[in-house]
Amino acid sequence: MFKAIVLACMIADPSQCVEFWDVRGPTWPDRESCKRRCLEMARDIGEIDNGLVATAWRCQTLKPGRLTQWTPSP
């Protein structure tokens, strides 16, 4: 399982960065599906007019039992 993470930095000040973690998954079964999600997230960040631009992405390998699908109690 993988967690999609995208790093976005301010265009005006590249030292000001934000790390975005996927909340749709939050985990992906293989690296290829995680990569597709990272690229989708990067595109979405670029469409928001807030001065951020995606600069890097990664698919973090998760240990079994970490960040699995969670459903809140009713």
PDB file of N, CA and C in Angstrom:
ATOM      1  N   MET A   1       0.843  -1.174   0.000  1.00  0.00           N
ATOM      2  CA  MET A   1       0.000   0.000   0.000  1.00  0.00           C
ATOM      3  C   MET A   1       0.891   1.241   0.000  1.00  0.00           C
ATOM      4  N   PHE A   2       0.373   2.273  -0.668  1.00  0.00           N
ATOM      5  CA  PHE A   2       1.130   3.512  -0.807  1.00  0.00           C
ATOM      6  C   PHE A   2       0.261   4.707  -0.452  1.00  0.00           C
ATOM      7  N   LYS A   3       0.904   5.749   0.057  1.00  0.00           N
ATOM      8  CA  LYS A   3       0.245   7.016   0.366  1.00  0.00           C
ATOM      9  C   LYS A   3       0.777   8.059  -0.613  1.00  0.00           C
ATOM     10  N   ALA A   4      -0.127   8.791  -1.272  1.00  0.00           N
ATOM     11  CA  ALA A   4       0.249   9.825  -2.239  1.00  0.00           C
ATOM     12  C   ALA A   4       0.522  11.138  -1.515  1.00  0.00           C
ATOM     13  N   ILE A   5       1.685  11.738  -1.808  1.00  0.00           N
ATOM     14  CA  ILE A   5       2.091  12.991  -1.182  1.00  0.00           C
ATOM     15  C   ILE A   5       2.630  13.926  -2.260  1.00  0.00           C
ATOM     16  N   VAL A   6       2.186  15.188  -2.249  1.00  0.00           N
ATOM     17  CA  VAL A   6       2.648  16.185  -3.214  1.00  0.00           C
ATOM     18  C   VAL A   6       3.176  17.391  -2.447  1.00  0.00           C
ATOM     19  N   LEU A   7       4.331  17.891  -2.863  1.00  0.00           N
ATOM     20  CA  LEU A   7       4.914  19.092  -2.276  1.00  0.00           C
ATOM     21  C   LEU A   7       4.655  20.250  -3.230  1.00  0.00           C
ATOM     22  N   ALA A   8       4.106  21.346  -2.704  1.00  0.00           N
ATOM     23  CA  ALA A   8       3.838  22.538  -3.507  1.00  0.00           C
ATOM     24  C   ALA A   8       4.474  23.734  -2.815  1.00  0.00           C
ATOM     25  N   CYS A   9       5.079  24.599  -3.614  1.00  0.00           N
ATOM     26  CA  CYS A   9       5.762  25.778  -3.072  1.00  0.00           C
ATOM     27  C   CYS A   9       5.190  27.050  -3.689  1.00  0.00           C
ATOM     28  N   MET A  10       5.344  28.148  -2.961  1.00  0.00           N
ATOM     29  CA  MET A  10       4.881  29.442  -3.447  1.00  0.00           C
ATOM     30  C   MET A  10       5.746  29.879  -4.624  1.00  0.00           C
ATOM     31  N   ILE A  11       5.102  30.400  -5.649  1.00  0.00           N
ATOM     32  CA  ILE A  11       5.846  30.887  -6.812  1.00  0.00           C
ATOM     33  C   ILE A  11       6.723  32.070  -6.408  1.00  0.00           C
ATOM     34  N   ALA A  12       6.181  32.974  -5.594  1.00  0.00           N
ATOM     35  CA  ALA A  12       6.905  34.175  -5.192  1.00  0.00           C
ATOM     36  C   ALA A  12       8.030  33.898  -4.197  1.00  0.00           C
ATOM     37  N   ASP A  13       7.912  32.804  -3.428  1.00  0.00           N
ATOM     38  CA  ASP A  13       8.923  32.473  -2.419  1.00  0.00           C
ATOM     39  C   ASP A  13       9.049  30.955  -2.322  1.00  0.00           C
ATOM     40  N   PRO A  14       9.926  30.357  -3.140  1.00  0.00           N
ATOM     41  CA  PRO A  14      10.056  28.896  -3.176  1.00  0.00           C
ATOM     42  C   PRO A  14      10.461  28.239  -1.855  1.00  0.00           C
ATOM     43  N   SER A  15      10.853  29.032  -0.861  1.00  0.00           N
ATOM     44  CA  SER A  15      11.189  28.442   0.434  1.00  0.00           C
ATOM     45  C   SER A  15       9.931  28.186   1.269  1.00  0.00           C
ATOM     46  N   GLN A  16       8.790  28.721   0.840  1.00  0.00           N
ATOM     47  CA  GLN A  16       7.519  28.522   1.529  1.00  0.00           C
ATOM     48  C   GLN A  16       6.762  27.388   0.836  1.00  0.00           C
ATOM     49  N   CYS A  17       6.769  26.207   1.449  1.00  0.00           N
ATOM     50  CA  CYS A  17       6.174  25.025   0.828  1.00  0.00           C
ATOM     51  C   CYS A  17       5.144  24.375   1.745  1.00  0.00           C
ATOM     52  N   VAL A  18       4.241  23.623   1.117  1.00  0.00           N
ATOM     53  CA  VAL A  18       3.193  22.903   1.831  1.00  0.00           C
ATOM     54  C   VAL A  18       3.180  21.481   1.301  1.00  0.00           C
ATOM     55  N   GLU A  19       3.025  20.519   2.209  1.00  0.00           N
ATOM     56  CA  GLU A  19       2.930  19.117   1.814  1.00  0.00           C
ATOM     57  C   GLU A  19       1.464  18.710   1.840  1.00  0.00           C
ATOM     58  N   PHE A  20       0.968  18.204   0.716  1.00  0.00           N
ATOM     59  CA  PHE A  20      -0.418  17.754   0.601  1.00  0.00           C
ATOM     60  C   PHE A  20      -0.452  16.235   0.649  1.00  0.00           C
ATOM     61  N   TRP A  21      -1.270  15.687   1.537  1.00  0.00           N
ATOM     62  CA  TRP A  21      -1.472  14.238   1.638  1.00  0.00           C
ATOM     63  C   TRP A  21      -2.832  13.915   1.061  1.00  0.00           C
ATOM     64  N   ASP A  22      -2.891  12.851   0.313  1.00  0.00           N
ATOM     65  CA  ASP A  22      -4.138  12.436  -0.314  1.00  0.00           C
ATOM     66  C   ASP A  22      -5.168  12.054   0.743  1.00  0.00           C
ATOM     67  N   VAL A  23      -6.388  12.536   0.570  1.00  0.00           N
ATOM     68  CA  VAL A  23      -7.481  12.147   1.461  1.00  0.00           C
ATOM     69  C   VAL A  23      -8.522  11.319   0.727  1.00  0.00           C
ATOM     70  N   ARG A  24      -8.387  11.184  -0.582  1.00  0.00           N
ATOM     71  CA  ARG A  24      -9.329  10.370  -1.339  1.00  0.00           C
ATOM     72  C   ARG A  24      -9.071   8.898  -1.086  1.00  0.00           C
ATOM     73  N   GLY A  25      -7.809   8.499  -1.075  1.00  0.00           N
ATOM     74  CA  GLY A  25      -7.441   7.087  -0.903  1.00  0.00           C
ATOM     75  C   GLY A  25      -7.835   6.545   0.453  1.00  0.00           C
ATOM     76  N   PRO A  26      -7.179   6.804   1.531  1.00  0.00           N
ATOM     77  CA  PRO A  26      -5.892   7.480   1.556  1.00  0.00           C
ATOM     78  C   PRO A  26      -4.728   6.579   1.154  1.00  0.00           C
ATOM     79  N   THR A  27      -5.018   5.340   0.773  1.00  0.00           N
ATOM     80  CA  THR A  27      -3.940   4.452   0.344  1.00  0.00           C
ATOM     81  C   THR A  27      -4.235   3.894  -1.039  1.00  0.00           C
ATOM     82  N   TRP A  28      -3.181   3.537  -1.751  1.00  0.00           N
ATOM     83  CA  TRP A  28      -3.283   2.994  -3.100  1.00  0.00           C
ATOM     84  C   TRP A  28      -2.585   1.645  -3.135  1.00  0.00           C
ATOM     85  N   PRO A  29      -3.155   0.672  -3.845  1.00  0.00           N
ATOM     86  CA  PRO A  29      -2.639  -0.704  -3.792  1.00  0.00           C
ATOM     87  C   PRO A  29      -1.297  -0.896  -4.472  1.00  0.00           C
ATOM     88  N   ASP A  30      -0.976  -0.057  -5.478  1.00  0.00           N
ATOM     89  CA  ASP A  30       0.299  -0.225  -6.182  1.00  0.00           C
ATOM     90  C   ASP A  30       0.885   1.142  -6.515  1.00  0.00           C
ATOM     91  N   ARG A  31       2.169   1.147  -6.847  1.00  0.00           N
ATOM     92  CA  ARG A  31       2.884   2.402  -7.090  1.00  0.00           C
ATOM     93  C   ARG A  31       2.307   3.153  -8.301  1.00  0.00           C
ATOM     94  N   GLU A  32       1.883   2.442  -9.323  1.00  0.00           N
ATOM     95  CA  GLU A  32       1.360   3.094 -10.525  1.00  0.00           C
ATOM     96  C   GLU A  32       0.073   3.862 -10.233  1.00  0.00           C
ATOM     97  N   SER A  33      -0.855   3.285  -9.484  1.00  0.00           N
ATOM     98  CA  SER A  33      -2.092   4.001  -9.148  1.00  0.00           C
ATOM     99  C   SER A  33      -1.795   5.175  -8.215  1.00  0.00           C
ATOM    100  N   CYS A  34      -0.820   5.029  -7.342  1.00  0.00           N
ATOM    101  CA  CYS A  34      -0.403   6.129  -6.467  1.00  0.00           C
ATOM    102  C   CYS A  34       0.200   7.262  -7.300  1.00  0.00           C
ATOM    103  N   LYS A  35       1.020   6.913  -8.274  1.00  0.00           N
ATOM    104  CA  LYS A  35       1.627   7.925  -9.148  1.00  0.00           C
ATOM    105  C   LYS A  35       0.550   8.701  -9.894  1.00  0.00           C
ATOM    106  N   ARG A  36      -0.450   8.001 -10.431  1.00  0.00           N
ATOM    107  CA  ARG A  36      -1.546   8.676 -11.133  1.00  0.00           C
ATOM    108  C   ARG A  36      -2.260   9.656 -10.206  1.00  0.00           C
ATOM    109  N   ARG A  37      -2.476   9.243  -8.960  1.00  0.00           N
ATOM    110  CA  ARG A  37      -3.139  10.121  -7.995  1.00  0.00           C
ATOM    111  C   ARG A  37      -2.273  11.336  -7.678  1.00  0.00           C
ATOM    112  N   CYS A  38      -0.969  11.150  -7.529  1.00  0.00           N
ATOM    113  CA  CYS A  38      -0.066  12.280  -7.276  1.00  0.00           C
ATOM    114  C   CYS A  38      -0.130  13.288  -8.409  1.00  0.00           C
ATOM    115  N   LEU A  39      -0.112  12.810  -9.648  1.00  0.00           N
ATOM    116  CA  LEU A  39      -0.166  13.710 -10.792  1.00  0.00           C
ATOM    117  C   LEU A  39      -1.509  14.431 -10.869  1.00  0.00           C
ATOM    118  N   GLU A  40      -2.582  13.734 -10.498  1.00  0.00           N
ATOM    119  CA  GLU A  40      -3.897  14.365 -10.445  1.00  0.00           C
ATOM    120  C   GLU A  40      -3.914  15.465  -9.372  1.00  0.00           C
ATOM    121  N   MET A  41      -3.350  15.165  -8.215  1.00  0.00           N
ATOM    122  CA  MET A  41      -3.285  16.160  -7.142  1.00  0.00           C
ATOM    123  C   MET A  41      -2.459  17.373  -7.580  1.00  0.00           C
ATOM    124  N   ALA A  42      -1.325  17.129  -8.247  1.00  0.00           N
ATOM    125  CA  ALA A  42      -0.461  18.223  -8.715  1.00  0.00           C
ATOM    126  C   ALA A  42      -1.217  19.116  -9.696  1.00  0.00           C
ATOM    127  N   ARG A  43      -1.990  18.502 -10.589  1.00  0.00           N
ATOM    128  CA  ARG A  43      -2.789  19.278 -11.542  1.00  0.00           C
ATOM    129  C   ARG A  43      -3.820  20.119 -10.806  1.00  0.00           C
ATOM    130  N   ASP A  44      -4.495  19.522  -9.827  1.00  0.00           N
ATOM    131  CA  ASP A  44      -5.519  20.243  -9.070  1.00  0.00           C
ATOM    132  C   ASP A  44      -4.921  21.417  -8.297  1.00  0.00           C
ATOM    133  N   ILE A  45      -3.758  21.213  -7.714  1.00  0.00           N
ATOM    134  CA  ILE A  45      -3.085  22.301  -6.984  1.00  0.00           C
ATOM    135  C   ILE A  45      -2.779  23.445  -7.939  1.00  0.00           C
ATOM    136  N   GLY A  46      -2.335  23.112  -9.154  1.00  0.00           N
ATOM    137  CA  GLY A  46      -2.024  24.136 -10.150  1.00  0.00           C
ATOM    138  C   GLY A  46      -3.249  24.911 -10.613  1.00  0.00           C
ATOM    139  N   GLU A  47      -4.425  24.299 -10.550  1.00  0.00           N
ATOM    140  CA  GLU A  47      -5.658  24.968 -10.971  1.00  0.00           C
ATOM    141  C   GLU A  47      -6.200  25.931  -9.920  1.00  0.00           C
ATOM    142  N   ILE A  48      -5.754  25.793  -8.682  1.00  0.00           N
ATOM    143  CA  ILE A  48      -6.179  26.701  -7.618  1.00  0.00           C
ATOM    144  C   ILE A  48      -5.313  27.955  -7.714  1.00  0.00           C
ATOM    145  N   ASP A  49      -5.924  29.105  -7.812  1.00  0.00           N
ATOM    146  CA  ASP A  49      -5.176  30.353  -7.965  1.00  0.00           C
ATOM    147  C   ASP A  49      -4.760  30.882  -6.591  1.00  0.00           C
ATOM    148  N   ASN A  50      -3.745  30.256  -6.020  1.00  0.00           N
ATOM    149  CA  ASN A  50      -3.284  30.675  -4.695  1.00  0.00           C
ATOM    150  C   ASN A  50      -1.776  30.870  -4.643  1.00  0.00           C
ATOM    151  N   GLY A  51      -1.125  30.885  -5.800  1.00  0.00           N
ATOM    152  CA  GLY A  51       0.308  31.120  -5.840  1.00  0.00           C
ATOM    153  C   GLY A  51       1.159  29.897  -5.592  1.00  0.00           C
ATOM    154  N   LEU A  52       0.518  28.711  -5.425  1.00  0.00           N
ATOM    155  CA  LEU A  52       1.268  27.474  -5.205  1.00  0.00           C
ATOM    156  C   LEU A  52       1.483  26.740  -6.520  1.00  0.00           C
ATOM    157  N   VAL A  53       2.626  26.087  -6.627  1.00  0.00           N
ATOM    158  CA  VAL A  53       2.897  25.231  -7.772  1.00  0.00           C
ATOM    159  C   VAL A  53       3.488  23.927  -7.234  1.00  0.00           C
ATOM    160  N   ALA A  54       2.989  22.802  -7.752  1.00  0.00           N
ATOM    161  CA  ALA A  54       3.502  21.499  -7.324  1.00  0.00           C
ATOM    162  C   ALA A  54       4.940  21.366  -7.802  1.00  0.00           C
ATOM    163  N   THR A  55       5.831  20.994  -6.884  1.00  0.00           N
ATOM    164  CA  THR A  55       7.247  20.897  -7.225  1.00  0.00           C
ATOM    165  C   THR A  55       7.794  19.481  -7.122  1.00  0.00           C
ATOM    166  N   ALA A  56       7.127  18.616  -6.367  1.00  0.00           N
ATOM    167  CA  ALA A  56       7.607  17.235  -6.206  1.00  0.00           C
ATOM    168  C   ALA A  56       6.454  16.359  -5.728  1.00  0.00           C
ATOM    169  N   TRP A  57       6.597  15.061  -5.944  1.00  0.00           N
ATOM    170  CA  TRP A  57       5.615  14.105  -5.453  1.00  0.00           C
ATOM    171  C   TRP A  57       6.335  12.829  -5.057  1.00  0.00           C
ATOM    172  N   ARG A  58       5.660  12.043  -4.221  1.00  0.00           N
ATOM    173  CA  ARG A  58       6.218  10.738  -3.855  1.00  0.00           C
ATOM    174  C   ARG A  58       5.093   9.804  -3.426  1.00  0.00           C
ATOM    175  N   CYS A  59       5.380   8.539  -3.551  1.00  0.00           N
ATOM    176  CA  CYS A  59       4.470   7.498  -3.091  1.00  0.00           C
ATOM    177  C   CYS A  59       5.164   6.793  -1.932  1.00  0.00           C
ATOM    178  N   GLN A  60       4.703   7.062  -0.740  1.00  0.00           N
ATOM    179  CA  GLN A  60       5.320   6.510   0.460  1.00  0.00           C
ATOM    180  C   GLN A  60       4.764   5.122   0.736  1.00  0.00           C
ATOM    181  N   THR A  61       5.656   4.157   0.881  1.00  0.00           N
ATOM    182  CA  THR A  61       5.253   2.794   1.214  1.00  0.00           C
ATOM    183  C   THR A  61       4.770   2.753   2.651  1.00  0.00           C
ATOM    184  N   LEU A  62       3.631   2.104   2.868  1.00  0.00           N
ATOM    185  CA  LEU A  62       3.061   2.013   4.207  1.00  0.00           C
ATOM    186  C   LEU A  62       3.258   0.615   4.770  1.00  0.00           C
ATOM    187  N   LYS A  63       3.526   0.561   6.051  1.00  0.00           N
ATOM    188  CA  LYS A  63       3.607  -0.723   6.740  1.00  0.00           C
ATOM    189  C   LYS A  63       2.195  -1.283   6.887  1.00  0.00           C
ATOM    190  N   PRO A  64       2.039  -2.586   6.916  1.00  0.00           N
ATOM    191  CA  PRO A  64       0.706  -3.167   7.090  1.00  0.00           C
ATOM    192  C   PRO A  64       0.013  -2.594   8.333  1.00  0.00           C
ATOM    193  N   GLY A  65      -1.260  -2.224   8.154  1.00  0.00           N
ATOM    194  CA  GLY A  65      -2.030  -1.682   9.265  1.00  0.00           C
ATOM    195  C   GLY A  65      -1.937  -0.183   9.421  1.00  0.00           C
ATOM    196  N   ARG A  66      -1.107   0.483   8.611  1.00  0.00           N
ATOM    197  CA  ARG A  66      -0.961   1.937   8.703  1.00  0.00           C
ATOM    198  C   ARG A  66      -1.832   2.634   7.676  1.00  0.00           C
ATOM    199  N   LEU A  67      -2.625   3.597   8.106  1.00  0.00           N
ATOM    200  CA  LEU A  67      -3.472   4.393   7.237  1.00  0.00           C
ATOM    201  C   LEU A  67      -4.341   3.566   6.302  1.00  0.00           C
ATOM    202  N   THR A  68      -4.955   2.564   6.835  1.00  0.00           N
ATOM    203  CA  THR A  68      -5.881   1.781   6.029  1.00  0.00           C
ATOM    204  C   THR A  68      -7.205   2.514   5.935  1.00  0.00           C
ATOM    205  N   GLN A  69      -8.091   2.053   5.073  1.00  0.00           N
ATOM    206  CA  GLN A  69      -9.395   2.693   4.940  1.00  0.00           C
ATOM    207  C   GLN A  69     -10.064   2.748   6.306  1.00  0.00           C
ATOM    208  N   TRP A  70     -10.575   3.882   6.658  1.00  0.00           N
ATOM    209  CA  TRP A  70     -11.216   4.075   7.949  1.00  0.00           C
ATOM    210  C   TRP A  70     -12.597   4.654   7.713  1.00  0.00           C
ATOM    211  N   THR A  71     -13.576   4.114   8.366  1.00  0.00           N
ATOM    212  CA  THR A  71     -14.943   4.604   8.284  1.00  0.00           C
ATOM    213  C   THR A  71     -15.367   5.030   9.675  1.00  0.00           C
ATOM    214  N   PRO A  72     -15.791   6.300   9.827  1.00  0.00           N
ATOM    215  CA  PRO A  72     -16.195   6.763  11.161  1.00  0.00           C
ATOM    216  C   PRO A  72     -17.456   6.052  11.640  1.00  0.00           C
ATOM    217  N   SER A  73     -17.601   5.958  12.931  1.00  0.00           N
ATOM    218  CA  SER A  73     -18.799   5.345  13.532  1.00  0.00           C
ATOM    219  C   SER A  73     -19.995   6.247  13.320  1.00  0.00           C
ATOM    220  N   PRO A  74     -21.175   5.661  13.126  1.00  0.00           N
ATOM    221  CA  PRO A  74     -22.392   6.500  12.935  1.00  0.00           C
ATOM    222  C   PRO A  74     -22.800   7.199  14.210  1.00  0.00           C
TER     223      PRO A  74
END
